[in-house]
C-alpha cells in the first residue's frame, strides 16, 4: 500500500506532460506461467508499478481524446482507493448499510444535477452499455405487460417482436443491450440518416402497437442531439416507451448554454448515462434513471433464496434493482466528487470544455490542411486532414494513416471514425485536466503527422 501511495503522486504530477502512450514492450515482463511459489506482495507490487506506469495508456491525462473518456478527479480517486480498502458488497442493506446509504445519496445528487423530477429513481451500473441494458430491460417488461405477459416469469416465448425505433444516431451500446435482452441488435428500425425523423416516427408508432423509442442525447462523432422535446411529444400520442441514451450528452443540462439540447428529458421513461465519461470518476461507473423506479425491481429482482433478503425486506437494496447482484461500491467516488466540487464545480468544468471544443474548432477552421465536417454543439470536434492538392479519392486512406500514426506516436491520442462517408478524427474533450495548451498541441501533432505520412 505504501508503495502505491509513493508512486501515485509523481505519476499524477507527470500526466500534464507525459505522452499518452509510449509503447507496450514492457508488458512482456508481466507475462509468464502461473508461479508455483509466489515472489511476495512487495516484489509484485514494485514490478507492477514499474511496468504499469511505463506501458499503460495514460488516459487519465489531459491529452487522451479517444472515445469519450474522462479522467478521474482527485476526490474520486481517493474515494476509489477507499472503496478497495473497505471492500463492501453493495448488494443490499444487509451486506452494507454504509454502501446502501451512500448510493441513495449519490443517486439523489445525480438526479438533482441533471434537473430530473423527484419522482425519478435509479440504479448505479457498470457502464453506459449496462445503463442501456437496465433501461431497455425495464422497457421490455413494460412492453410485455402490454401484451398481458410477465416476462420475468415467462420469458419472451410466444410474444411478437418488440418494435424499437430510433434515428441514425443510435449507438452500438443500445444495440448490444437489445442483443443481450434477446430482441436482437438488428431489431432497431432507423428513421432518419441523422436525427430521428419525427413524421416518420409518428407514422411508425401509429402502426406498431406498443413500442420502444430510443432517443440519442449526444452522438459520439459530432455531439449532436435528437430533438428530445419533439420526440417526447410524438411518443405522448402513442402507446410507447421513451428511452434516452445520454451517455455523455446528459451533461449538457449543467450549463444554460447547452441545456436546450436536453429540453424534454424529463418526459423520458428511462435515461442512460455514464459516470466514467464527463463525471470524471473511475471505470466502471454508469447509471440508469426511470420515471417509475418500481419497474426496476420488477425487472431485476431475484428469485427467493433463504439467505438473501427479499424485495420487500427492509434489508433489501440496489442489487435487486439492476443486472448485478454482487456489486462494488461504485457509489463512493460519485458521492465524493459531487461532495467535493458540487453543482457549480461541474458546471464550470463543462463550460470550460465547451470553450475548449470551440477553440479546437477554430484552430481546425484556420488551418489550410484541415477540414471540419460538422457543427460543434457540445464537446466533440469532427474533422479530417485535407491538404491542398490531395485528390478527394485519396483522403480516406490518408486520414486512416494519420489516425494510426497518432496512436503510435502517443503524444496525443485520438482515433478515426467514419462520418457521412468520410474517414475523420473525432476528439472528445471531457477530461478535467485538459487545457488550451493540450488543444494546441493536438492540432500541431495532427498536422505534423499528416505531413509525414503523405
Protein backbone atom coordinates (compact mmCIF):
# COMPACT_ATOMS: atom_id res chain seq x y z
CA UNK A 1 0.00 0.00 0.00
CA UNK A 2 2.77 2.43 0.84
CA UNK A 3 4.49 1.67 -2.47
CA UNK A 4 1.33 2.55 -4.42
CA UNK A 5 0.88 5.75 -2.46
CA UNK A 6 4.51 6.75 -3.00
CA UNK A 7 4.22 6.09 -6.75
CA UNK A 8 0.90 7.87 -7.13
CA UNK A 9 1.99 11.45 -6.51
CA UNK A 10 4.83 11.61 -9.06
CA UNK A 11 2.74 9.69 -11.59
CA UNK A 12 -0.21 12.05 -11.28
CA UNK A 13 2.07 15.08 -11.35
CA UNK A 14 3.60 13.80 -14.59
CA UNK A 15 0.33 13.45 -16.51
CA UNK A 16 0.26 17.03 -17.80
CA UNK A 17 3.48 16.45 -19.78
CA UNK A 18 3.66 12.68 -20.16
CA UNK A 19 2.90 11.17 -23.60
CA UNK A 20 -0.42 9.37 -23.58
CA UNK A 21 1.24 6.24 -24.89
CA UNK A 22 4.90 5.23 -25.03
CA UNK A 23 4.65 1.63 -26.27
CA UNK A 24 3.75 -1.61 -24.56
CA UNK A 25 7.01 -3.57 -24.91
CA UNK A 26 7.49 -3.81 -21.16
CA UNK A 27 4.18 -5.62 -20.69
CA UNK A 28 6.01 -8.85 -21.50
CA UNK A 29 7.61 -8.55 -18.05
CA UNK A 30 4.22 -9.50 -16.59
CA UNK A 31 3.57 -12.43 -18.90
CA UNK A 32 4.52 -15.86 -17.60
CA UNK A 33 3.15 -19.15 -16.41
CA UNK A 34 1.47 -19.23 -13.02
CA UNK A 35 4.32 -19.40 -10.48
CA UNK A 36 4.43 -22.42 -8.23
CA UNK A 37 5.74 -20.26 -5.40
CA UNK A 38 4.85 -16.59 -5.20
CA UNK A 39 7.50 -13.90 -5.03
CA UNK A 40 5.77 -11.91 -2.29
CA UNK A 41 3.50 -8.87 -2.31
CA UNK A 42 6.22 -6.21 -2.12
CA UNK A 43 8.15 -7.50 -5.14
CA UNK A 44 4.98 -7.99 -7.20
CA UNK A 45 3.67 -4.50 -6.48
CA UNK A 46 7.04 -2.94 -7.29
CA UNK A 47 7.14 -4.74 -10.65
CA UNK A 48 3.53 -3.91 -11.45
CA UNK A 49 4.04 -0.21 -10.74
CA UNK A 50 7.23 -0.10 -12.77
CA UNK A 51 5.63 -1.73 -15.80
CA UNK A 52 2.22 -0.10 -15.45
CA UNK A 53 3.41 3.48 -15.20
CA UNK A 54 5.58 2.89 -18.27
CA UNK A 55 3.34 0.78 -20.51
CA UNK A 56 -0.21 1.80 -19.64
CA UNK A 57 -2.24 4.14 -21.82
CA UNK A 58 -2.30 7.28 -19.70
CA UNK A 59 -5.95 8.02 -20.35
CA UNK A 60 -6.29 9.88 -17.06
CA UNK A 61 -4.15 12.65 -18.54
CA UNK A 62 -5.27 15.74 -20.43
CA UNK A 63 -4.36 14.64 -23.97
CA UNK A 64 -6.46 11.50 -24.27
CA UNK A 65 -9.18 12.47 -26.74
CA UNK A 66 -10.06 8.96 -27.98
CA UNK A 67 -13.55 7.53 -27.45
CA UNK A 68 -15.25 9.74 -24.81
CA UNK A 69 -13.15 9.09 -21.74
CA UNK A 70 -12.88 11.41 -18.77
CA UNK A 71 -10.10 11.47 -16.23
CA UNK A 72 -10.52 10.94 -12.50
CA UNK A 73 -10.87 13.89 -10.16
CA UNK A 74 -8.68 13.86 -7.04
CA UNK A 75 -11.70 13.34 -4.80
CA UNK A 76 -12.97 10.45 -6.93
CA UNK A 77 -9.53 8.80 -6.99
CA UNK A 78 -9.13 8.97 -3.22
CA UNK A 79 -12.66 7.65 -2.79
CA UNK A 80 -11.98 4.77 -5.17
CA UNK A 81 -8.98 3.77 -3.09
CA UNK A 82 -11.29 3.87 -0.09
CA UNK A 83 -13.71 1.54 -1.88
CA UNK A 84 -10.97 -1.05 -2.29
CA UNK A 85 -9.86 -0.56 1.30
CA UNK A 86 -13.36 -1.14 2.71
CA UNK A 87 -14.27 -3.81 0.11
CA UNK A 88 -18.03 -3.51 0.55
CA UNK A 89 -20.59 -5.61 -1.31
CA UNK A 90 -23.22 -3.06 -2.32
CA UNK A 91 -25.88 -5.71 -2.90
CA UNK A 92 -28.16 -4.78 -0.04
CA UNK A 93 -28.52 -3.09 3.32
CA UNK A 94 -27.88 -6.50 4.85
CA UNK A 95 -24.47 -6.62 3.13
CA UNK A 96 -23.52 -2.98 3.74
CA UNK A 97 -25.67 -0.29 5.30
CA UNK A 98 -22.83 2.13 4.54
CA UNK A 99 -22.82 1.41 0.80
CA UNK A 100 -26.61 1.50 0.61
CA UNK A 101 -26.81 4.89 2.29
CA UNK A 102 -24.06 6.42 0.14
CA UNK A 103 -25.66 5.04 -3.04
CA UNK A 104 -29.01 6.54 -2.09
CA UNK A 105 -27.44 9.98 -1.67
CA UNK A 106 -25.33 9.64 -4.85
CA UNK A 107 -28.39 8.80 -6.92
CA UNK A 108 -30.34 11.71 -5.45
CA UNK A 109 -27.48 14.09 -6.19
CA UNK A 110 -27.15 12.85 -9.77
CA UNK A 111 -30.87 13.29 -10.30
CA UNK A 112 -30.66 16.85 -8.96
CA UNK A 113 -27.52 17.56 -11.02
CA UNK A 114 -29.40 16.81 -14.25
CA UNK A 115 -32.60 18.54 -13.17
CA UNK A 116 -34.79 15.44 -13.21
CA UNK A 117 -38.09 15.40 -11.30
CA UNK A 118 -38.10 13.96 -7.78
CA UNK A 119 -40.21 11.02 -8.95
CA UNK A 120 -37.27 9.59 -10.92
CA UNK A 121 -35.21 6.86 -9.32
CA UNK A 122 -32.26 4.88 -10.49
CA UNK A 123 -29.60 2.27 -10.27
CA UNK A 124 -25.82 2.50 -10.48
CA UNK A 125 -24.39 0.08 -13.02
CA UNK A 126 -21.04 -0.67 -14.65
CA UNK A 127 -21.23 1.40 -17.84
CA UNK A 128 -23.45 3.15 -20.37
CA UNK A 129 -24.00 -0.23 -22.02
CA UNK A 130 -25.33 -1.62 -18.75
CA UNK A 131 -27.36 1.55 -18.24
CA UNK A 132 -28.96 0.97 -21.65
CA UNK A 133 -29.40 -2.70 -20.76
CA UNK A 134 -31.08 -1.80 -17.47
CA UNK A 135 -33.35 0.80 -19.04
CA UNK A 136 -34.31 -1.34 -22.02
CA UNK A 137 -34.78 -4.31 -19.71
CA UNK A 138 -37.40 -2.32 -17.80
CA UNK A 139 -38.89 -1.23 -21.14
CA UNK A 140 -39.13 -4.89 -22.17
CA UNK A 141 -41.11 -5.72 -19.04
CA UNK A 142 -43.42 -2.77 -19.70
CA UNK A 143 -43.90 -3.83 -23.32
CA UNK A 144 -44.58 -7.47 -22.41
CA UNK A 145 -47.13 -6.36 -19.82
CA UNK A 146 -48.99 -4.53 -22.61
CA UNK A 147 -49.40 -8.00 -24.15
CA UNK A 148 -50.52 -9.50 -20.85
CA UNK A 149 -47.25 -11.33 -20.18
CA UNK A 150 -44.99 -11.26 -17.11
CA UNK A 151 -41.71 -11.62 -18.95
CA UNK A 152 -39.75 -12.01 -15.71
CA UNK A 153 -41.61 -15.24 -15.03
CA UNK A 154 -42.42 -16.49 -18.52
CA UNK A 155 -39.82 -15.01 -20.87
CA UNK A 156 -40.28 -13.76 -24.42
CA UNK A 157 -41.52 -17.02 -25.93
CA UNK A 158 -44.81 -16.55 -27.77
CA UNK A 159 -44.56 -12.77 -27.91
CA UNK A 160 -44.23 -10.84 -31.17
CA UNK A 161 -41.01 -8.97 -31.85
CA UNK A 162 -40.77 -5.79 -29.77
CA UNK A 163 -40.85 -2.75 -32.10
CA UNK A 164 -37.89 -0.45 -31.47
CA UNK A 165 -37.45 2.87 -33.30
CA UNK A 166 -34.56 5.31 -33.33
CA UNK A 167 -32.71 7.71 -35.58
CA UNK A 168 -29.39 7.38 -37.31
CA UNK A 169 -27.53 8.27 -34.14
CA UNK A 170 -28.44 5.04 -32.33
CA UNK A 171 -25.31 3.81 -30.59
CA UNK A 172 -23.79 0.34 -30.70
CA UNK A 173 -24.25 0.00 -26.94
CA UNK A 174 -28.03 0.32 -27.29
CA UNK A 175 -27.94 -2.35 -29.99
CA UNK A 176 -25.79 -4.54 -27.74
CA UNK A 177 -28.30 -4.11 -24.91
CA UNK A 178 -31.12 -5.23 -27.21
CA UNK A 179 -28.94 -8.13 -28.31
CA UNK A 180 -28.36 -9.26 -24.71
CA UNK A 181 -32.08 -8.88 -23.92
CA UNK A 182 -32.98 -11.30 -26.69
CA UNK A 183 -34.51 -8.79 -29.10
CA UNK A 184 -31.56 -8.79 -31.47
CA UNK A 185 -29.20 -5.96 -32.27
CA UNK A 186 -30.86 -5.51 -35.66
CA UNK A 187 -34.33 -5.06 -34.17
CA UNK A 188 -34.00 -1.26 -34.35
CA UNK A 189 -35.88 0.45 -37.19
CA UNK A 190 -33.84 3.54 -38.08
CA UNK A 191 -35.93 6.55 -39.05
CA UNK A 192 -33.63 9.21 -40.44
CA UNK A 193 -29.99 9.27 -41.50
CA UNK A 194 -29.04 11.52 -38.59
CA UNK A 195 -31.59 12.93 -36.16
CA UNK A 196 -34.78 10.91 -35.94
CA UNK A 197 -37.41 11.99 -38.46
CA UNK A 198 -40.45 12.97 -36.38
CA UNK A 199 -43.03 12.48 -39.13
CA UNK A 200 -41.72 9.00 -39.87
CA UNK A 201 -41.70 8.20 -36.15
CA UNK A 202 -45.30 9.35 -35.79
CA UNK A 203 -46.43 7.13 -38.66
CA UNK A 204 -44.43 4.14 -37.42
CA UNK A 205 -45.86 4.36 -33.91
CA UNK A 206 -49.38 4.69 -35.27
CA UNK A 207 -48.99 1.27 -36.91
CA UNK A 208 -46.78 -0.60 -34.44
CA UNK A 209 -48.78 -1.13 -31.30
CA UNK A 210 -46.79 -0.87 -28.03
CA UNK A 211 -43.22 0.12 -28.91
CA UNK A 212 -39.93 1.46 -27.59
CA UNK A 213 -38.26 4.63 -28.90
CA UNK A 214 -34.54 5.23 -28.34
CA UNK A 215 -33.58 8.91 -28.48
CA UNK A 216 -29.94 9.95 -28.51
CA UNK A 217 -28.54 12.80 -26.43
CA UNK A 218 -25.01 13.35 -27.67
CA UNK A 219 -23.99 11.49 -30.83
CA UNK A 220 -20.44 10.20 -30.45
CA UNK A 221 -18.96 11.56 -33.70
CA UNK A 222 -20.25 15.14 -33.53
CA UNK A 223 -22.04 15.59 -30.20
CA UNK A 224 -25.33 16.22 -31.98
CA UNK A 225 -28.71 15.55 -30.32
CA UNK A 226 -32.02 14.11 -31.37
CA UNK A 227 -34.90 16.59 -30.80
CA UNK A 228 -35.89 15.21 -27.40
CA UNK A 229 -38.86 17.50 -26.83
CA UNK A 230 -40.25 16.74 -30.30
CA UNK A 231 -39.78 13.01 -29.81
CA UNK A 232 -41.48 13.17 -26.40
CA UNK A 233 -44.44 14.96 -27.95
CA UNK A 234 -44.79 12.31 -30.66
CA UNK A 235 -44.42 9.47 -28.14
CA UNK A 236 -47.11 11.01 -25.92
CA UNK A 237 -49.66 10.42 -28.69
CA UNK A 238 -48.97 6.69 -28.83
CA UNK A 239 -48.51 3.63 -26.63
CA UNK A 240 -44.72 3.85 -26.42
CA UNK A 241 -41.79 3.92 -24.02
CA UNK A 242 -39.22 6.70 -24.50
CA UNK A 243 -35.64 5.84 -23.62
CA UNK A 244 -32.90 8.48 -23.84
CA UNK A 245 -29.30 7.33 -24.35
CA UNK A 246 -27.38 10.24 -22.82
CA UNK A 247 -24.07 8.52 -22.14
CA UNK A 248 -22.21 11.84 -22.07
CA UNK A 249 -24.68 14.27 -23.62
CA UNK A 250 -26.76 14.36 -20.44
CA UNK A 251 -24.16 16.77 -19.06
CA UNK A 252 -25.47 19.43 -21.44
CA UNK A 253 -28.08 20.01 -18.73
CA UNK A 254 -25.42 21.54 -16.48
CA UNK A 255 -24.93 24.76 -18.49
CA UNK A 256 -27.54 27.29 -19.63
CA UNK A 257 -25.54 27.46 -22.86
CA UNK A 258 -26.45 23.87 -23.76
CA UNK A 259 -29.45 23.00 -21.57
CA UNK A 260 -31.76 23.48 -24.53
CA UNK A 261 -30.24 20.39 -26.11
CA UNK A 262 -31.85 18.21 -23.44
CA UNK A 263 -35.19 20.03 -23.27
CA UNK A 264 -37.86 17.36 -22.86
CA UNK A 265 -35.57 14.98 -20.98
CA UNK A 266 -37.95 14.99 -18.01
CA UNK A 267 -40.59 13.33 -20.22
CA UNK A 268 -38.48 10.21 -20.80
CA UNK A 269 -39.45 6.87 -19.28
CA UNK A 270 -35.80 5.87 -18.89
CA UNK A 271 -32.41 7.53 -19.22
CA UNK A 272 -28.90 6.07 -19.51
CA UNK A 273 -25.67 7.88 -18.66
CA UNK A 274 -22.01 7.13 -17.98
CA UNK A 275 -20.06 8.30 -14.94
CA UNK A 276 -16.58 7.48 -16.26
CA UNK A 277 -17.09 9.93 -19.09
CA UNK A 278 -17.89 13.52 -18.17
CA UNK A 279 -18.36 12.95 -14.44
CA UNK A 280 -14.65 12.02 -14.31
CA UNK A 281 -14.92 9.08 -11.93
CA UNK A 282 -13.07 5.75 -12.33
CA UNK A 283 -14.19 2.89 -14.52
CA UNK A 284 -16.70 1.16 -14.12
CA UNK A 285 -19.49 3.64 -13.49
CA UNK A 286 -22.83 4.18 -15.22
CA UNK A 287 -26.36 4.92 -14.10
CA UNK A 288 -29.93 4.44 -15.27
CA UNK A 289 -32.87 6.60 -14.22
CA UNK A 290 -36.53 5.63 -14.58
CA UNK A 291 -39.65 7.75 -14.32
CA UNK A 292 -41.27 4.82 -12.46
CA UNK A 293 -38.36 3.31 -10.50
CA UNK A 294 -40.51 0.48 -9.13
CA UNK A 295 -40.18 -1.11 -12.57
CA UNK A 296 -36.52 -1.83 -11.81
CA UNK A 297 -37.44 -4.24 -9.05
CA UNK A 298 -39.96 -5.99 -11.27
CA UNK A 299 -37.35 -6.45 -14.00
CA UNK A 300 -34.27 -7.27 -11.93
CA UNK A 301 -35.49 -8.74 -8.65
CA UNK A 302 -34.15 -12.22 -7.88
CA UNK A 303 -35.99 -15.46 -7.18
CA UNK A 304 -36.22 -16.14 -3.47
CA UNK A 305 -33.30 -17.68 -1.60
CA UNK A 306 -33.39 -18.41 2.12
CA UNK A 307 -30.21 -16.50 2.90
CA UNK A 308 -30.97 -13.40 0.80
CA UNK A 309 -33.29 -10.52 1.71
CA UNK A 310 -36.39 -10.42 -0.49
CA UNK A 311 -37.54 -7.40 -2.44
CA UNK A 312 -39.94 -6.35 0.35
CA UNK A 313 -37.43 -6.79 3.15
CA UNK A 314 -36.15 -3.68 4.95
CA UNK A 315 -32.68 -5.18 4.44
CA UNK A 316 -33.01 -5.32 0.64
CA UNK A 317 -31.11 -2.94 -1.61
CA UNK A 318 -29.83 -1.89 -5.00
CA UNK A 319 -28.66 -5.34 -6.06
CA UNK A 320 -32.34 -6.08 -6.72
CA UNK A 321 -32.72 -3.05 -8.99
CA UNK A 322 -30.15 -3.81 -11.67
CA UNK A 323 -28.33 -6.60 -13.52
CA UNK A 324 -25.56 -7.16 -10.96
CA UNK A 325 -26.00 -8.81 -7.58
CA UNK A 326 -22.52 -8.68 -6.08
CA UNK A 327 -21.56 -5.07 -6.72
CA UNK A 328 -18.58 -2.90 -5.95
CA UNK A 329 -19.44 0.26 -4.01
CA UNK A 330 -19.07 2.43 -7.12
CA UNK A 331 -21.33 4.96 -5.41
CA UNK A 332 -18.48 6.21 -3.21
CA UNK A 333 -16.40 8.01 -5.90
CA UNK A 334 -19.61 9.57 -7.26
CA UNK A 335 -20.59 10.80 -3.82
CA UNK A 336 -17.07 12.09 -3.12
CA UNK A 337 -16.61 14.03 -6.35
CA UNK A 338 -20.05 15.66 -6.12
CA UNK A 339 -19.48 16.48 -2.46
CA UNK A 340 -16.06 17.95 -3.24
CA UNK A 341 -16.90 20.11 -6.26
CA UNK A 342 -20.66 20.49 -6.21
CA UNK A 343 -23.01 21.66 -8.91
CA UNK A 344 -21.03 24.84 -9.56
CA UNK A 345 -17.75 22.97 -9.97
CA UNK A 346 -19.22 20.62 -12.55
CA UNK A 347 -20.93 23.43 -14.41
CA UNK A 348 -17.59 25.26 -14.58
CA UNK A 349 -15.84 22.15 -15.90
CA UNK A 350 -18.48 21.52 -18.56
CA UNK A 351 -18.39 25.14 -19.70
CA UNK A 352 -14.61 25.11 -19.87
CA UNK A 353 -14.79 22.03 -22.09
CA UNK A 354 -17.38 23.76 -24.28
CA UNK A 355 -14.93 26.63 -24.70
CA UNK A 356 -12.06 24.25 -25.49
CA UNK A 357 -14.15 22.49 -28.13
CA UNK A 358 -14.88 25.81 -29.80
CA UNK A 359 -11.17 26.68 -29.58
CA UNK A 360 -10.31 23.41 -31.28
CA UNK A 361 -12.93 24.05 -33.96
CA UNK A 362 -11.41 27.48 -34.56
CA UNK A 363 -7.90 26.07 -34.95
CA UNK A 364 -9.19 23.47 -37.41
CA UNK A 365 -11.03 26.13 -39.41
CA UNK A 366 -7.91 28.30 -39.55
CA UNK A 367 -5.61 25.50 -40.77
CA UNK A 368 -5.31 25.22 -44.56
CA UNK A 369 -4.76 21.46 -44.40
CA UNK A 370 -7.67 20.58 -42.07
CA UNK A 371 -11.42 20.47 -42.72
CA UNK A 372 -14.18 20.49 -40.10
CA UNK A 373 -17.06 18.20 -41.04
CA UNK A 374 -19.79 19.16 -38.59
CA UNK A 375 -21.02 21.79 -36.20
CA UNK A 376 -19.80 21.60 -32.59
CA UNK A 377 -22.79 21.74 -30.24
CA UNK A 378 -21.00 20.14 -27.30
CA UNK A 379 -17.51 18.71 -26.69
CA UNK A 380 -16.69 16.64 -29.80
CA UNK A 381 -14.99 18.12 -32.88
CA UNK A 382 -15.29 16.07 -36.06
CA UNK A 383 -12.73 16.95 -38.72
CA UNK A 384 -10.30 15.45 -41.21
CA UNK A 385 -6.95 16.15 -42.76
CA UNK A 386 -7.39 17.67 -46.22
CA UNK A 387 -4.13 19.09 -47.60
CA UNK A 388 -4.38 21.23 -50.73
CA UNK A 389 -3.80 19.24 -53.89
CA UNK A 390 -4.57 15.80 -52.46
CA UNK A 391 -7.22 14.11 -54.64
CA UNK A 392 -10.55 13.53 -52.93
CA UNK A 393 -10.30 9.79 -53.61
CA UNK A 394 -7.12 9.59 -51.51
CA UNK A 395 -8.36 11.47 -48.43
CA UNK A 396 -9.88 8.49 -46.61
CA UNK A 397 -6.68 6.48 -46.86
CA UNK A 398 -4.62 9.50 -45.76
CA UNK A 399 -6.80 10.05 -42.72
CA UNK A 400 -6.59 6.38 -41.77
CA UNK A 401 -2.81 6.65 -41.85
CA UNK A 402 -2.93 9.80 -39.76
CA UNK A 403 -5.14 8.06 -37.21
CA UNK A 404 -2.75 5.12 -36.93
CA UNK A 405 0.21 7.49 -36.68
CA UNK A 406 -1.47 9.38 -33.83
CA UNK A 407 -1.96 6.21 -31.81
CA UNK A 408 1.60 5.05 -32.43
CA UNK A 409 3.14 8.47 -31.80
CA UNK A 410 1.44 8.72 -28.42
CA UNK A 411 1.93 12.41 -27.64
CA UNK A 412 -1.82 12.87 -28.04
CA UNK A 413 -4.46 10.21 -28.54
CA UNK A 414 -7.44 10.19 -30.91
CA UNK A 415 -8.69 7.58 -33.33
CA UNK A 416 -10.64 7.65 -36.54
CA UNK A 417 -14.30 7.24 -37.36
CA UNK A 418 -16.45 7.49 -40.47
CA UNK A 419 -18.82 10.44 -40.69
CA UNK A 420 -21.15 10.86 -43.66
CA UNK A 421 -18.95 8.54 -45.67
CA UNK A 422 -15.69 10.32 -44.82
CA UNK A 423 -12.88 8.95 -42.62
CA UNK A 424 -12.35 11.53 -39.89
CA UNK A 425 -10.96 12.27 -36.44
CA UNK A 426 -13.40 12.99 -33.61
CA UNK A 427 -11.55 14.12 -30.47
CA UNK A 428 -13.75 14.42 -27.40
CA UNK A 429 -12.89 16.88 -24.61
CA UNK A 430 -14.17 15.62 -21.25
CA UNK A 431 -11.06 15.42 -19.03
CA UNK A 432 -10.89 17.86 -16.12
CA UNK A 433 -7.13 18.34 -16.68
CA UNK A 434 -7.33 19.43 -20.35
CA UNK A 435 -6.22 22.99 -21.15
CA UNK A 436 -5.72 25.20 -24.20
CA UNK A 437 -2.10 24.05 -24.31
CA UNK A 438 -3.26 20.48 -24.88
CA UNK A 439 -5.65 21.55 -27.63
CA UNK A 440 -2.91 23.49 -29.40
CA UNK A 441 -0.52 20.55 -29.14
CA UNK A 442 -3.16 18.20 -30.53
CA UNK A 443 -3.65 20.28 -33.67
CA UNK A 444 0.11 20.71 -34.08
CA UNK A 445 0.76 16.96 -33.83
CA UNK A 446 -2.05 16.10 -36.24
CA UNK A 447 -0.64 18.47 -38.85
CA UNK A 448 2.92 17.27 -38.30
CA UNK A 449 1.97 13.61 -38.68
CA UNK A 450 -0.23 14.33 -41.68
CA UNK A 451 2.74 15.85 -43.45
CA UNK A 452 4.98 12.90 -42.53
CA UNK A 453 2.65 10.11 -43.74
CA UNK A 454 1.76 11.63 -47.12
